[in-house]
Amino acid sequence: LFTCHIMNSASTLPATGECANAAGEQPMAAYLVVDVADIRDERRYAQYKAEVSPGLIAGGGTYLARGGAIEVLEGDWHPNRIVLVRFDSSAAARRWWESGDYASLRHMRQQSTRTNMLIVDGVAEEGER
């Protein structure tokens, strides 16, 4: 079982660094899950999308999904746009999100969209799935 950190500029959660499983082991990868629920300013969001990738990649992120088709299988969640990014760790994802290089882009995204974002740790080893 892994814990995860929700990333929200209005959150009162402390920046705790790495997520850990019940045994205290660190996972090999973490995933940034972004739900762009509503786009309020198409022009600014297009600018954000055009500018965000170089810094995200330099920060260790790799896109796994970026706005592809979504099929809801269960539940009431009907996301508008999903972005899934792999990082080597939750600490690496948080460092990118908190970085000075991303600060102005984060502000641009927050002003142009309504977004839900979280980090979830992957499994530590293949046998733990």
C-alpha atoms as a PDB file:
ATOM      1  CA  LEU A   1       0.000   0.000   0.000  1.00  0.00           C
ATOM      2  CA  PHE A   2       1.388   3.398  -0.990  1.00  0.00           C
ATOM      3  CA  THR A   3       0.491   6.844   0.205  1.00  0.00           C
ATOM      4  CA  CYS A   4       0.273   9.772  -2.150  1.00  0.00           C
ATOM      5  CA  HIS A   5       0.323  13.546  -1.990  1.00  0.00           C
ATOM      6  CA  ILE A   6      -2.317  15.807  -3.454  1.00  0.00           C
ATOM      7  CA  MET A   7      -0.832  18.857  -5.126  1.00  0.00           C
ATOM      8  CA  ASN A   8      -2.994  21.919  -4.721  1.00  0.00           C
ATOM      9  CA  SER A   9      -1.805  25.449  -4.219  1.00  0.00           C
ATOM     10  CA  ALA A  10      -4.617  25.951  -1.691  1.00  0.00           C
ATOM     11  CA  SER A  11      -3.722  22.788   0.226  1.00  0.00           C
ATOM     12  CA  THR A  12      -2.653  22.914   3.848  1.00  0.00           C
ATOM     13  CA  LEU A  13      -0.745  19.643   3.487  1.00  0.00           C
ATOM     14  CA  PRO A  14       2.980  19.969   4.152  1.00  0.00           C
ATOM     15  CA  ALA A  15       5.529  19.166   1.483  1.00  0.00           C
ATOM     16  CA  THR A  16       6.692  15.819   2.838  1.00  0.00           C
ATOM     17  CA  GLY A  17       8.889  14.582   0.013  1.00  0.00           C
ATOM     18  CA  GLU A  18       8.845  10.912  -0.927  1.00  0.00           C
ATOM     19  CA  CYS A  19       5.806   8.709  -0.501  1.00  0.00           C
ATOM     20  CA  ALA A  20       6.524   5.397   1.178  1.00  0.00           C
ATOM     21  CA  ASN A  21       4.778   2.068   1.440  1.00  0.00           C
ATOM     22  CA  ALA A  22       3.834   0.451   4.753  1.00  0.00           C
ATOM     23  CA  ALA A  23       7.325  -1.061   5.069  1.00  0.00           C
ATOM     24  CA  GLY A  24       8.989   2.315   4.497  1.00  0.00           C
ATOM     25  CA  GLU A  25      10.390   1.304   1.096  1.00  0.00           C
ATOM     26  CA  GLN A  26      10.674   3.889  -1.654  1.00  0.00           C
ATOM     27  CA  PRO A  27       8.999   3.118  -4.992  1.00  0.00           C
ATOM     28  CA  MET A  28      10.890   3.318  -8.236  1.00  0.00           C
ATOM     29  CA  ALA A  29       8.556   5.748  -9.987  1.00  0.00           C
ATOM     30  CA  ALA A  30       5.797   8.227  -9.260  1.00  0.00           C
ATOM     31  CA  TYR A  31       3.052   9.458 -11.520  1.00  0.00           C
ATOM     32  CA  LEU A  32       1.662  12.961 -11.794  1.00  0.00           C
ATOM     33  CA  VAL A  33      -2.035  12.723 -12.645  1.00  0.00           C
ATOM     34  CA  VAL A  34      -3.591  15.925 -13.949  1.00  0.00           C
ATOM     35  CA  ASP A  35      -7.310  16.345 -14.545  1.00  0.00           C
ATOM     36  CA  VAL A  36      -7.933  19.558 -16.478  1.00  0.00           C
ATOM     37  CA  ALA A  37     -11.578  19.817 -15.443  1.00  0.00           C
ATOM     38  CA  ASP A  38     -12.415  23.116 -17.118  1.00  0.00           C
ATOM     39  CA  ILE A  39     -10.610  25.460 -19.496  1.00  0.00           C
ATOM     40  CA  ARG A  40     -11.538  29.071 -18.746  1.00  0.00           C
ATOM     41  CA  ASP A  41      -9.116  30.811 -21.118  1.00  0.00           C
ATOM     42  CA  GLU A  42      -8.308  28.795 -24.256  1.00  0.00           C
ATOM     43  CA  ARG A  43      -5.612  31.211 -25.461  1.00  0.00           C
ATOM     44  CA  ARG A  44      -3.646  31.227 -22.193  1.00  0.00           C
ATOM     45  CA  TYR A  45      -4.009  27.472 -21.776  1.00  0.00           C
ATOM     46  CA  ALA A  46      -2.713  26.934 -25.329  1.00  0.00           C
ATOM     47  CA  GLN A  47       0.286  29.103 -24.416  1.00  0.00           C
ATOM     48  CA  TYR A  48       0.813  27.030 -21.245  1.00  0.00           C
ATOM     49  CA  LYS A  49       0.723  23.762 -23.231  1.00  0.00           C
ATOM     50  CA  ALA A  50       3.201  25.175 -25.746  1.00  0.00           C
ATOM     51  CA  GLU A  51       5.663  26.226 -23.023  1.00  0.00           C
ATOM     52  CA  VAL A  52       5.429  23.568 -20.282  1.00  0.00           C
ATOM     53  CA  SER A  53       7.154  20.551 -21.890  1.00  0.00           C
ATOM     54  CA  PRO A  54      10.833  21.641 -21.921  1.00  0.00           C
ATOM     55  CA  GLY A  55      10.884  22.342 -18.175  1.00  0.00           C
ATOM     56  CA  LEU A  56       8.871  19.246 -17.331  1.00  0.00           C
ATOM     57  CA  ILE A  57      11.250  17.065 -19.341  1.00  0.00           C
ATOM     58  CA  ALA A  58      14.294  18.815 -17.830  1.00  0.00           C
ATOM     59  CA  GLY A  59      12.757  18.138 -14.399  1.00  0.00           C
ATOM     60  CA  GLY A  60      12.683  14.417 -15.138  1.00  0.00           C
ATOM     61  CA  GLY A  61       9.095  14.072 -16.358  1.00  0.00           C
ATOM     62  CA  THR A  62       8.007  11.834 -19.223  1.00  0.00           C
ATOM     63  CA  TYR A  63       4.533  12.127 -20.725  1.00  0.00           C
ATOM     64  CA  LEU A  64       2.587   8.869 -20.743  1.00  0.00           C
ATOM     65  CA  ALA A  65      -0.732  10.425 -21.754  1.00  0.00           C
ATOM     66  CA  ARG A  66      -1.484  13.971 -22.810  1.00  0.00           C
ATOM     67  CA  GLY A  67      -5.098  14.693 -23.646  1.00  0.00           C
ATOM     68  CA  GLY A  68      -5.956  11.466 -25.446  1.00  0.00           C
ATOM     69  CA  ALA A  69      -9.382   9.891 -25.710  1.00  0.00           C
ATOM     70  CA  ILE A  70     -11.003   9.031 -22.363  1.00  0.00           C
ATOM     71  CA  GLU A  71     -13.404   6.146 -21.792  1.00  0.00           C
ATOM     72  CA  VAL A  72     -15.170   6.042 -18.426  1.00  0.00           C
ATOM     73  CA  LEU A  73     -15.617   2.450 -17.286  1.00  0.00           C
ATOM     74  CA  GLU A  74     -17.150   3.047 -13.838  1.00  0.00           C
ATOM     75  CA  GLY A  75     -18.216   5.848 -11.561  1.00  0.00           C
ATOM     76  CA  ASP A  76     -19.232   9.468 -11.901  1.00  0.00           C
ATOM     77  CA  TRP A  77     -15.840  10.918 -12.862  1.00  0.00           C
ATOM     78  CA  HIS A  78     -16.022  12.382 -16.380  1.00  0.00           C
ATOM     79  CA  PRO A  79     -12.718  14.181 -16.929  1.00  0.00           C
ATOM     80  CA  ASN A  80     -12.359  16.694 -19.718  1.00  0.00           C
ATOM     81  CA  ARG A  81      -8.608  16.238 -20.274  1.00  0.00           C
ATOM     82  CA  ILE A  82      -6.103  13.941 -18.532  1.00  0.00           C
ATOM     83  CA  VAL A  83      -2.339  14.307 -18.483  1.00  0.00           C
ATOM     84  CA  LEU A  84      -0.218  11.511 -16.994  1.00  0.00           C
ATOM     85  CA  VAL A  85       3.495  12.087 -16.369  1.00  0.00           C
ATOM     86  CA  ARG A  86       6.076   9.649 -14.996  1.00  0.00           C
ATOM     87  CA  PHE A  87       8.844  10.857 -12.674  1.00  0.00           C
ATOM     88  CA  ASP A  88      11.573   8.802 -11.003  1.00  0.00           C
ATOM     89  CA  SER A  89      10.075   9.606  -7.581  1.00  0.00           C
ATOM     90  CA  SER A  90       7.401  11.674  -5.883  1.00  0.00           C
ATOM     91  CA  ALA A  91      10.172  13.984  -4.656  1.00  0.00           C
ATOM     92  CA  ALA A  92      11.254  14.607  -8.261  1.00  0.00           C
ATOM     93  CA  ALA A  93       7.661  15.415  -9.263  1.00  0.00           C
ATOM     94  CA  ARG A  94       7.254  17.768  -6.316  1.00  0.00           C
ATOM     95  CA  ARG A  95      10.616  19.461  -7.058  1.00  0.00           C
ATOM     96  CA  TRP A  96       9.430  20.163 -10.612  1.00  0.00           C
ATOM     97  CA  TRP A  97       6.026  21.430  -9.409  1.00  0.00           C
ATOM     98  CA  GLU A  98       7.618  23.695  -6.748  1.00  0.00           C
ATOM     99  CA  SER A  99      10.488  24.895  -8.960  1.00  0.00           C
ATOM    100  CA  GLY A 100      11.014  28.538  -9.752  1.00  0.00           C
ATOM    101  CA  ASP A 101      11.147  27.604 -13.426  1.00  0.00           C
ATOM    102  CA  TYR A 102       7.593  26.258 -13.261  1.00  0.00           C
ATOM    103  CA  ALA A 103       6.131  28.976 -11.001  1.00  0.00           C
ATOM    104  CA  SER A 104       4.968  31.356 -13.746  1.00  0.00           C
ATOM    105  CA  LEU A 105       3.615  28.494 -15.844  1.00  0.00           C
ATOM    106  CA  ARG A 106       1.809  27.044 -12.825  1.00  0.00           C
ATOM    107  CA  HIS A 107       0.198  30.446 -12.281  1.00  0.00           C
ATOM    108  CA  MET A 108      -0.772  30.615 -15.974  1.00  0.00           C
ATOM    109  CA  ARG A 109      -2.393  27.151 -15.758  1.00  0.00           C
ATOM    110  CA  GLN A 110      -4.191  27.968 -12.526  1.00  0.00           C
ATOM    111  CA  GLN A 111      -5.577  31.186 -14.018  1.00  0.00           C
ATOM    112  CA  SER A 112      -6.669  29.582 -17.299  1.00  0.00           C
ATOM    113  CA  THR A 113      -8.055  26.259 -16.058  1.00  0.00           C
ATOM    114  CA  ARG A 114      -9.684  24.481 -13.156  1.00  0.00           C
ATOM    115  CA  THR A 115      -7.322  21.593 -12.495  1.00  0.00           C
ATOM    116  CA  ASN A 116      -7.055  18.663 -10.101  1.00  0.00           C
ATOM    117  CA  MET A 117      -3.547  17.275  -9.705  1.00  0.00           C
ATOM    118  CA  LEU A 118      -1.983  14.538  -7.613  1.00  0.00           C
ATOM    119  CA  ILE A 119       1.120  12.403  -7.310  1.00  0.00           C
ATOM    120  CA  VAL A 120       0.742   8.672  -6.827  1.00  0.00           C
ATOM    121  CA  ASP A 121       3.616   6.273  -6.280  1.00  0.00           C
ATOM    122  CA  GLY A 122       3.955   3.201  -8.452  1.00  0.00           C
ATOM    123  CA  VAL A 123       4.797  -0.240  -7.175  1.00  0.00           C
ATOM    124  CA  ALA A 124       8.326  -0.753  -5.909  1.00  0.00           C
ATOM    125  CA  GLU A 125       8.879  -4.047  -7.646  1.00  0.00           C
ATOM    126  CA  GLU A 126       7.151  -6.163 -10.258  1.00  0.00           C
ATOM    127  CA  GLY A 127       6.207  -8.807  -7.664  1.00  0.00           C
ATOM    128  CA  GLU A 128       4.187  -6.360  -5.544  1.00  0.00           C
ATOM    129  CA  ARG A 129       1.425  -5.784  -8.092  1.00  0.00           C
END
